N, C-alpha and C. Protein backbone atom coordinates (compact mmCIF):
# COMPACT_ATOMS: atom_id res chain seq x y z
N UNK A 1 -28.71 29.30 27.35
CA UNK A 1 -29.16 28.89 26.05
C UNK A 1 -28.78 27.43 25.82
N UNK A 2 -29.74 26.61 25.49
CA UNK A 2 -29.51 25.18 25.28
C UNK A 2 -28.94 24.92 23.89
N UNK A 3 -28.03 23.96 23.82
CA UNK A 3 -27.43 23.58 22.55
C UNK A 3 -28.31 22.51 21.92
N UNK A 4 -28.68 22.75 20.68
CA UNK A 4 -29.51 21.81 19.94
C UNK A 4 -28.67 20.61 19.54
N UNK A 5 -29.09 19.43 19.96
CA UNK A 5 -28.38 18.19 19.64
C UNK A 5 -28.97 17.62 18.36
N UNK A 6 -28.16 17.52 17.31
CA UNK A 6 -28.61 16.99 16.02
C UNK A 6 -28.09 15.58 15.87
N UNK A 7 -28.95 14.70 15.43
CA UNK A 7 -28.56 13.30 15.22
C UNK A 7 -28.06 13.13 13.80
N UNK A 8 -26.94 12.44 13.67
CA UNK A 8 -26.37 12.14 12.36
C UNK A 8 -27.25 11.14 11.62
N UNK A 9 -27.15 11.15 10.31
CA UNK A 9 -27.92 10.24 9.47
C UNK A 9 -27.25 8.86 9.37
N UNK A 10 -26.18 8.66 10.09
CA UNK A 10 -25.41 7.42 9.97
C UNK A 10 -25.75 6.46 11.11
N UNK A 11 -25.93 5.18 10.76
CA UNK A 11 -26.14 4.17 11.79
C UNK A 11 -24.79 3.74 12.35
N UNK A 12 -24.81 3.02 13.47
CA UNK A 12 -23.58 2.63 14.17
C UNK A 12 -22.66 1.76 13.30
N UNK A 13 -23.25 0.86 12.52
CA UNK A 13 -22.46 -0.03 11.67
C UNK A 13 -21.71 0.77 10.59
N UNK A 14 -22.41 1.71 9.96
CA UNK A 14 -21.79 2.55 8.93
C UNK A 14 -20.70 3.41 9.56
N UNK A 15 -20.99 3.99 10.72
CA UNK A 15 -20.02 4.84 11.40
C UNK A 15 -18.77 4.04 11.78
N UNK A 16 -18.94 2.81 12.25
CA UNK A 16 -17.81 1.96 12.61
C UNK A 16 -16.96 1.63 11.37
N UNK A 17 -17.62 1.37 10.24
CA UNK A 17 -16.90 1.06 9.00
C UNK A 17 -16.11 2.28 8.52
N UNK A 18 -16.71 3.47 8.63
CA UNK A 18 -16.03 4.70 8.23
C UNK A 18 -14.83 4.94 9.13
N UNK A 19 -15.01 4.74 10.42
CA UNK A 19 -13.91 4.93 11.37
C UNK A 19 -12.74 4.00 11.04
N UNK A 20 -13.04 2.74 10.81
CA UNK A 20 -11.99 1.76 10.47
C UNK A 20 -11.28 2.17 9.19
N UNK A 21 -12.04 2.58 8.18
CA UNK A 21 -11.47 3.01 6.91
C UNK A 21 -10.55 4.22 7.10
N UNK A 22 -10.99 5.19 7.90
CA UNK A 22 -10.18 6.38 8.17
C UNK A 22 -8.89 6.01 8.92
N UNK A 23 -8.98 5.09 9.86
CA UNK A 23 -7.80 4.66 10.61
C UNK A 23 -6.79 3.97 9.70
N UNK A 24 -7.27 3.14 8.79
CA UNK A 24 -6.39 2.45 7.84
C UNK A 24 -5.73 3.48 6.93
N UNK A 25 -6.53 4.42 6.45
CA UNK A 25 -6.00 5.48 5.57
C UNK A 25 -4.96 6.32 6.30
N UNK A 26 -5.23 6.65 7.57
CA UNK A 26 -4.28 7.40 8.39
C UNK A 26 -2.95 6.65 8.51
N UNK A 27 -3.03 5.36 8.79
CA UNK A 27 -1.82 4.55 8.94
C UNK A 27 -1.04 4.49 7.63
N UNK A 28 -1.74 4.34 6.51
CA UNK A 28 -1.07 4.31 5.20
C UNK A 28 -0.37 5.63 4.90
N UNK A 29 -1.03 6.73 5.22
CA UNK A 29 -0.43 8.05 4.99
C UNK A 29 0.79 8.23 5.87
N UNK A 30 0.71 7.81 7.12
CA UNK A 30 1.87 7.90 8.01
C UNK A 30 3.04 7.08 7.47
N UNK A 31 2.74 5.91 6.91
CA UNK A 31 3.78 5.09 6.29
C UNK A 31 4.43 5.81 5.11
N UNK A 32 3.59 6.41 4.25
CA UNK A 32 4.10 7.15 3.09
C UNK A 32 4.94 8.35 3.54
N UNK A 33 4.45 9.08 4.54
CA UNK A 33 5.21 10.22 5.05
C UNK A 33 6.56 9.77 5.60
N UNK A 34 6.59 8.60 6.23
CA UNK A 34 7.83 8.07 6.77
C UNK A 34 8.86 7.75 5.70
N UNK A 35 8.42 7.48 4.48
CA UNK A 35 9.33 7.16 3.38
C UNK A 35 9.94 8.40 2.74
N UNK A 36 9.22 9.53 2.78
CA UNK A 36 9.70 10.70 2.05
C UNK A 36 10.02 11.90 2.95
N UNK A 37 9.71 11.78 4.26
CA UNK A 37 9.94 12.89 5.17
C UNK A 37 10.52 12.39 6.49
N UNK A 38 10.93 13.36 7.29
CA UNK A 38 11.27 13.08 8.68
C UNK A 38 10.52 14.10 9.52
N UNK A 39 10.25 13.76 10.77
CA UNK A 39 9.51 14.68 11.62
C UNK A 39 10.33 15.93 11.88
N UNK A 40 9.65 17.04 11.91
CA UNK A 40 10.27 18.33 12.22
C UNK A 40 10.25 18.49 13.74
N UNK A 41 11.42 18.44 14.36
CA UNK A 41 11.47 18.48 15.82
C UNK A 41 11.11 19.86 16.38
N UNK A 42 11.05 20.85 15.51
CA UNK A 42 10.73 22.21 15.97
C UNK A 42 9.27 22.57 15.79
N UNK A 43 8.54 21.78 15.02
CA UNK A 43 7.13 22.09 14.77
C UNK A 43 6.30 20.84 15.02
N UNK A 44 5.31 20.97 15.88
CA UNK A 44 4.46 19.86 16.27
C UNK A 44 3.70 19.29 15.06
N UNK A 45 3.72 17.97 14.93
CA UNK A 45 3.01 17.25 13.87
C UNK A 45 3.34 17.76 12.48
N UNK A 46 4.58 18.14 12.26
CA UNK A 46 5.01 18.59 10.93
C UNK A 46 6.16 17.71 10.46
N UNK A 47 6.32 17.66 9.16
CA UNK A 47 7.36 16.84 8.57
C UNK A 47 8.18 17.68 7.60
N UNK A 48 9.43 17.27 7.42
CA UNK A 48 10.31 17.90 6.44
C UNK A 48 10.66 16.85 5.39
N UNK A 49 10.64 17.28 4.15
CA UNK A 49 11.02 16.36 3.07
C UNK A 49 12.49 15.98 3.23
N UNK A 50 12.79 14.74 2.96
CA UNK A 50 14.16 14.24 3.01
C UNK A 50 14.83 14.54 1.67
N UNK A 51 16.02 15.10 1.74
CA UNK A 51 16.76 15.36 0.51
C UNK A 51 17.49 14.09 0.12
N UNK A 52 17.18 13.53 -1.05
CA UNK A 52 17.81 12.27 -1.46
C UNK A 52 19.28 12.47 -1.85
N UNK A 53 20.03 11.41 -1.72
CA UNK A 53 21.46 11.43 -2.09
C UNK A 53 21.68 10.39 -3.18
N UNK A 54 21.76 10.83 -4.44
CA UNK A 54 21.96 9.92 -5.56
C UNK A 54 23.41 9.88 -6.04
N UNK A 55 24.18 10.89 -5.73
CA UNK A 55 25.56 10.94 -6.19
C UNK A 55 25.99 12.38 -6.45
N UNK A 56 27.19 12.51 -7.06
CA UNK A 56 27.78 13.84 -7.28
C UNK A 56 27.73 14.32 -8.72
N UNK A 57 27.31 13.49 -9.62
CA UNK A 57 27.25 13.89 -11.03
C UNK A 57 26.09 14.87 -11.24
N UNK A 58 26.21 15.70 -12.29
CA UNK A 58 25.19 16.74 -12.51
C UNK A 58 23.80 16.16 -12.75
N UNK A 59 23.72 15.03 -13.49
CA UNK A 59 22.39 14.43 -13.72
C UNK A 59 21.83 13.85 -12.42
N UNK A 60 22.69 13.34 -11.56
CA UNK A 60 22.25 12.83 -10.26
C UNK A 60 21.77 13.98 -9.37
N UNK A 61 22.49 15.10 -9.43
CA UNK A 61 22.08 16.27 -8.66
C UNK A 61 20.73 16.80 -9.14
N UNK A 62 20.53 16.81 -10.44
CA UNK A 62 19.25 17.25 -10.99
C UNK A 62 18.12 16.33 -10.53
N UNK A 63 18.40 15.02 -10.52
CA UNK A 63 17.39 14.05 -10.05
C UNK A 63 17.10 14.25 -8.56
N UNK A 64 18.14 14.56 -7.78
CA UNK A 64 17.94 14.82 -6.36
C UNK A 64 16.99 16.00 -6.15
N UNK A 65 17.22 17.07 -6.88
CA UNK A 65 16.39 18.27 -6.75
C UNK A 65 14.97 17.99 -7.20
N UNK A 66 14.81 17.27 -8.30
CA UNK A 66 13.47 16.94 -8.80
C UNK A 66 12.71 16.07 -7.79
N UNK A 67 13.39 15.07 -7.25
CA UNK A 67 12.75 14.19 -6.26
C UNK A 67 12.39 14.96 -5.00
N UNK A 68 13.31 15.81 -4.54
CA UNK A 68 13.06 16.61 -3.35
C UNK A 68 11.85 17.53 -3.55
N UNK A 69 11.78 18.17 -4.71
CA UNK A 69 10.65 19.05 -5.01
C UNK A 69 9.34 18.28 -5.03
N UNK A 70 9.35 17.11 -5.65
CA UNK A 70 8.15 16.26 -5.67
C UNK A 70 7.76 15.85 -4.25
N UNK A 71 8.76 15.50 -3.45
CA UNK A 71 8.49 15.07 -2.08
C UNK A 71 7.94 16.21 -1.22
N UNK A 72 8.39 17.44 -1.47
CA UNK A 72 7.85 18.59 -0.74
C UNK A 72 6.34 18.72 -1.01
N UNK A 73 5.98 18.66 -2.27
CA UNK A 73 4.57 18.80 -2.66
C UNK A 73 3.74 17.63 -2.13
N UNK A 74 4.23 16.42 -2.31
CA UNK A 74 3.52 15.24 -1.85
C UNK A 74 3.38 15.25 -0.33
N UNK A 75 4.45 15.62 0.36
CA UNK A 75 4.43 15.66 1.82
C UNK A 75 3.38 16.64 2.33
N UNK A 76 3.29 17.80 1.70
CA UNK A 76 2.29 18.81 2.10
C UNK A 76 0.88 18.26 1.87
N UNK A 77 0.66 17.64 0.74
CA UNK A 77 -0.66 17.07 0.43
C UNK A 77 -1.02 15.97 1.43
N UNK A 78 -0.07 15.10 1.73
CA UNK A 78 -0.31 14.02 2.69
C UNK A 78 -0.59 14.57 4.08
N UNK A 79 0.16 15.60 4.49
CA UNK A 79 -0.08 16.22 5.80
C UNK A 79 -1.48 16.84 5.87
N UNK A 80 -1.90 17.51 4.81
CA UNK A 80 -3.24 18.11 4.79
C UNK A 80 -4.31 17.03 4.91
N UNK A 81 -4.14 15.94 4.17
CA UNK A 81 -5.11 14.84 4.24
C UNK A 81 -5.10 14.20 5.61
N UNK A 82 -3.92 14.03 6.18
CA UNK A 82 -3.80 13.46 7.52
C UNK A 82 -4.51 14.33 8.55
N UNK A 83 -4.36 15.64 8.44
CA UNK A 83 -5.03 16.58 9.34
C UNK A 83 -6.55 16.42 9.23
N UNK A 84 -7.06 16.29 8.01
CA UNK A 84 -8.50 16.12 7.80
C UNK A 84 -9.00 14.79 8.37
N UNK A 85 -8.21 13.75 8.22
CA UNK A 85 -8.57 12.44 8.76
C UNK A 85 -8.61 12.50 10.28
N UNK A 86 -7.59 13.09 10.88
CA UNK A 86 -7.55 13.21 12.35
C UNK A 86 -8.75 14.01 12.86
N UNK A 87 -9.11 15.06 12.13
CA UNK A 87 -10.26 15.86 12.50
C UNK A 87 -11.55 15.04 12.43
N UNK A 88 -11.70 14.24 11.38
CA UNK A 88 -12.88 13.38 11.23
C UNK A 88 -12.94 12.35 12.36
N UNK A 89 -11.80 11.74 12.68
CA UNK A 89 -11.76 10.76 13.77
C UNK A 89 -12.10 11.42 15.11
N UNK A 90 -11.66 12.64 15.29
CA UNK A 90 -11.98 13.39 16.51
C UNK A 90 -13.49 13.67 16.59
N UNK A 91 -14.09 14.02 15.45
CA UNK A 91 -15.54 14.25 15.43
C UNK A 91 -16.31 12.96 15.72
N UNK A 92 -15.80 11.84 15.24
CA UNK A 92 -16.44 10.55 15.55
C UNK A 92 -16.39 10.32 17.05
N UNK A 93 -15.23 10.55 17.64
CA UNK A 93 -15.04 10.36 19.08
C UNK A 93 -15.96 11.27 19.90
N UNK A 94 -16.14 12.51 19.44
CA UNK A 94 -16.96 13.48 20.17
C UNK A 94 -18.46 13.33 19.88
N UNK A 95 -18.80 12.51 18.89
CA UNK A 95 -20.20 12.32 18.54
C UNK A 95 -20.77 13.39 17.63
N UNK A 96 -19.88 14.16 16.98
CA UNK A 96 -20.34 15.23 16.09
C UNK A 96 -20.08 14.91 14.62
N UNK A 97 -19.60 13.72 14.34
CA UNK A 97 -19.31 13.33 12.96
C UNK A 97 -20.60 13.25 12.16
N UNK A 98 -20.55 13.76 10.93
CA UNK A 98 -21.72 13.71 10.07
C UNK A 98 -22.65 14.90 10.25
N UNK A 99 -22.23 15.85 11.08
CA UNK A 99 -23.00 17.07 11.31
C UNK A 99 -22.20 18.24 10.73
N UNK A 100 -22.84 19.07 9.92
CA UNK A 100 -22.18 20.22 9.31
C UNK A 100 -21.71 21.18 10.39
N UNK A 101 -20.44 21.58 10.32
CA UNK A 101 -19.91 22.48 11.35
C UNK A 101 -20.43 23.91 11.21
N UNK A 102 -21.10 24.21 10.11
CA UNK A 102 -21.61 25.57 9.89
C UNK A 102 -23.10 25.69 10.22
N UNK A 103 -23.92 24.82 9.65
CA UNK A 103 -25.37 24.94 9.86
C UNK A 103 -25.89 23.96 10.92
N UNK A 104 -25.02 23.05 11.36
CA UNK A 104 -25.34 22.06 12.40
C UNK A 104 -26.42 21.05 11.99
N UNK A 105 -26.64 20.93 10.70
CA UNK A 105 -27.59 19.94 10.18
C UNK A 105 -26.82 18.70 9.72
N UNK A 106 -27.49 17.54 9.65
CA UNK A 106 -26.80 16.32 9.19
C UNK A 106 -26.28 16.47 7.75
N UNK A 107 -25.08 15.96 7.53
CA UNK A 107 -24.51 15.90 6.18
C UNK A 107 -25.11 14.67 5.51
N UNK A 108 -25.50 14.80 4.27
CA UNK A 108 -26.13 13.67 3.57
C UNK A 108 -25.20 12.46 3.56
N UNK A 109 -25.79 11.30 3.77
CA UNK A 109 -25.05 10.04 3.83
C UNK A 109 -24.24 9.81 2.56
N UNK A 110 -24.79 10.18 1.41
CA UNK A 110 -24.09 9.99 0.15
C UNK A 110 -22.78 10.78 0.13
N UNK A 111 -22.81 12.02 0.64
CA UNK A 111 -21.61 12.86 0.68
C UNK A 111 -20.56 12.24 1.61
N UNK A 112 -21.01 11.78 2.76
CA UNK A 112 -20.10 11.17 3.73
C UNK A 112 -19.44 9.92 3.14
N UNK A 113 -20.21 9.13 2.41
CA UNK A 113 -19.64 7.91 1.82
C UNK A 113 -18.61 8.24 0.74
N UNK A 114 -18.87 9.29 -0.03
CA UNK A 114 -17.94 9.69 -1.09
C UNK A 114 -16.71 10.38 -0.52
N UNK A 115 -16.93 11.24 0.49
CA UNK A 115 -15.84 12.03 1.08
C UNK A 115 -15.96 11.96 2.60
N UNK A 116 -15.44 10.88 3.21
CA UNK A 116 -15.64 10.67 4.65
C UNK A 116 -14.98 11.72 5.55
N UNK A 117 -14.12 12.56 5.00
CA UNK A 117 -13.51 13.60 5.83
C UNK A 117 -14.31 14.90 5.81
N UNK A 118 -15.45 14.89 5.13
CA UNK A 118 -16.29 16.09 5.03
C UNK A 118 -16.73 16.58 6.39
N UNK A 119 -16.65 17.89 6.56
CA UNK A 119 -17.13 18.50 7.80
C UNK A 119 -18.24 19.50 7.52
N UNK A 120 -18.60 19.65 6.25
CA UNK A 120 -19.64 20.60 5.86
C UNK A 120 -20.59 19.95 4.85
N UNK A 121 -21.84 20.37 4.92
CA UNK A 121 -22.82 19.90 3.94
C UNK A 121 -22.56 20.60 2.60
N UNK A 122 -23.15 20.09 1.56
CA UNK A 122 -22.97 20.66 0.21
C UNK A 122 -23.39 22.12 0.15
N UNK A 123 -24.52 22.44 0.74
CA UNK A 123 -25.03 23.82 0.70
C UNK A 123 -24.04 24.79 1.33
N UNK A 124 -23.54 24.46 2.52
CA UNK A 124 -22.59 25.35 3.19
C UNK A 124 -21.26 25.40 2.45
N UNK A 125 -20.81 24.28 1.92
CA UNK A 125 -19.55 24.25 1.17
C UNK A 125 -19.64 25.14 -0.06
N UNK A 126 -20.75 25.06 -0.78
CA UNK A 126 -20.94 25.91 -1.95
C UNK A 126 -20.97 27.39 -1.56
N UNK A 127 -21.64 27.68 -0.45
CA UNK A 127 -21.71 29.07 0.02
C UNK A 127 -20.30 29.58 0.37
N UNK A 128 -19.50 28.75 1.01
CA UNK A 128 -18.13 29.14 1.37
C UNK A 128 -17.26 29.40 0.14
N UNK A 129 -17.51 28.62 -0.90
CA UNK A 129 -16.75 28.79 -2.14
C UNK A 129 -17.33 29.87 -3.04
N UNK A 130 -18.43 30.48 -2.62
CA UNK A 130 -19.05 31.53 -3.42
C UNK A 130 -19.86 31.02 -4.59
N UNK A 131 -20.25 29.75 -4.53
CA UNK A 131 -21.01 29.14 -5.63
C UNK A 131 -22.52 29.21 -5.41
N UNK A 132 -22.92 29.56 -4.21
CA UNK A 132 -24.36 29.58 -3.92
C UNK A 132 -24.84 30.99 -3.63
């Protein structure tokens, strides 16, 4: 059975600009993760929030816990975004970027420009969310 090759709606110049933008965003996220986390040596590509040390007073301890809690949430969000960026860069490398992973049709250029990490077209995304 032959695999149907679908051409993306993106020209080379647009694709190069998206790739550069994703790489810059990836580097910025890695910088942010480096400020609030450390790599988890037991889990591949995972980070642990750093527990801040403000002092021994009760208000300092409360601030430490609040900051740590915020960093846990932010770290998870950054890791999720980083995973999506890496996936998009991998699709660019493989030549499948801009193609819906479900229906294999081109994702509209407008969607890609608004959300460059998109891997699904609007129709399939709505269907997955139960909206269609």
